[in-house]
Protein backbone atom coordinates (compact mmCIF):
# COMPACT_ATOMS: atom_id res chain seq x y z
CA MET A 1 21.80 34.56 63.75
CA ASP A 2 25.15 33.92 62.58
CA TYR A 3 25.95 36.58 60.32
CA GLU A 4 28.90 35.38 58.85
CA ASN A 5 27.46 31.90 57.84
CA ALA A 6 24.47 33.90 56.34
CA ALA A 7 26.62 36.03 54.46
CA GLU A 8 28.48 33.18 53.04
CA LEU A 9 25.66 31.27 52.31
CA LEU A 10 24.01 34.11 50.04
CA LYS A 11 27.56 35.20 48.58
CA ILE A 12 27.47 31.24 47.17
CA MET A 13 23.99 31.75 45.94
CA GLY A 14 24.66 34.82 44.30
CA HIS A 15 26.38 33.12 41.57
CA PRO A 16 23.94 33.06 38.30
CA THR A 17 25.02 29.65 37.61
CA ARG A 18 24.82 28.42 40.96
CA LEU A 19 21.15 30.08 41.38
CA ARG A 20 19.91 28.48 37.89
CA ILE A 21 21.23 24.96 39.26
CA LEU A 22 19.64 25.37 42.72
CA MET A 23 16.22 26.65 40.92
CA HIS A 24 16.67 23.39 38.87
CA LEU A 25 17.28 20.92 42.09
CA LYS A 26 14.51 22.90 44.05
CA ASN A 27 12.05 20.08 43.58
CA GLU A 28 13.81 16.55 42.64
CA ASN A 29 17.24 15.18 42.43
CA LYS A 30 18.97 15.37 39.59
CA CYS A 31 21.63 13.68 38.45
CA VAL A 32 24.89 16.11 36.49
CA LYS A 33 24.13 15.04 32.77
CA ASN A 34 20.39 16.03 33.60
CA ILE A 35 21.29 19.20 34.91
CA TRP A 36 24.24 20.49 32.16
CA GLU A 37 21.94 19.42 29.53
CA SER A 38 18.77 21.01 31.07
CA LEU A 39 20.65 24.30 31.39
CA SER A 40 22.53 24.46 28.35
CA LEU A 41 25.92 24.65 30.30
CA PRO A 42 29.13 23.00 29.91
CA GLN A 43 29.35 19.88 31.73
CA ALA A 44 32.76 21.08 33.34
CA ASN A 45 31.60 24.05 34.53
CA VAL A 46 28.19 22.52 36.21
CA SER A 47 30.52 19.84 38.25
CA GLN A 48 32.62 22.66 39.46
CA HIS A 49 29.57 24.70 41.12
CA LEU A 50 28.03 21.41 42.22
CA ILE A 51 31.32 20.30 44.06
CA LEU A 52 31.52 23.62 45.59
CA MET A 53 28.26 23.68 46.85
CA LYS A 54 28.16 20.39 48.08
CA ASN A 55 31.41 21.50 50.37
CA LYS A 56 29.79 24.50 51.55
CA GLY A 57 26.58 21.98 52.88
CA ILE A 58 23.89 23.30 50.64
CA LEU A 59 23.68 19.96 48.37
CA ASN A 60 24.42 16.40 49.03
CA SER A 61 24.84 13.50 46.12
CA GLU A 62 24.45 9.92 45.76
CA ARG A 63 25.65 7.61 43.40
CA LYS A 64 23.23 5.72 40.86
CA GLY A 65 25.55 3.34 38.98
CA SER A 66 28.01 5.65 36.72
CA GLN A 67 26.28 8.86 37.65
CA ILE A 68 26.26 11.21 40.61
CA CYS A 69 23.08 12.69 41.50
CA TYR A 70 22.39 15.89 43.96
CA PHE A 71 19.93 17.18 45.96
CA LEU A 72 19.35 20.14 48.07
CA ASN A 73 20.42 19.39 51.57
CA ASN A 74 19.69 22.87 53.36
CA LYS A 75 16.51 24.21 54.57
CA SER A 76 17.48 27.79 54.51
CA VAL A 77 18.17 27.38 50.82
CA MET A 78 14.95 25.98 50.11
CA ASN A 79 13.21 28.84 51.86
CA ILE A 80 15.57 31.39 49.75
CA LEU A 81 14.40 29.54 46.54
CA LYS A 82 10.66 29.61 47.57
CA TYR A 83 11.09 33.15 48.45
CA LEU A 84 12.46 34.11 44.98
CA GLU A 85 9.72 32.58 43.42
CA GLY A 86 6.94 34.80 45.38
CA GLY A 87 6.00 32.03 47.64
CA SER A 88 6.93 33.76 50.90
CA ASP A 89 3.61 35.42 51.69
CA GLY A 90 3.29 36.48 48.04
CA LEU A 91 6.13 38.61 48.16
CA ASN A 92 8.89 39.27 45.05
CA PRO A 93 12.09 40.57 45.80
């Protein structure tokens, strides 16, 4: 295990807004507008968090016309989100 990378990943995921965004993206791709409207957060704030997570390899994006849509790109993050929802052997953190 690479403890430095694991700690960095958990640090990024540990921000409440980023965690909300990740949970929102867990099951399907979403465009920026859908994310900030669904979460009732300012667009600029959501965009900042999305860009950070993309730069860290957690998310990837694709352009759909004039919109940018994001999706999870990291299996470790998907497993952590599943665990947080109680999907890992029925355990809750």
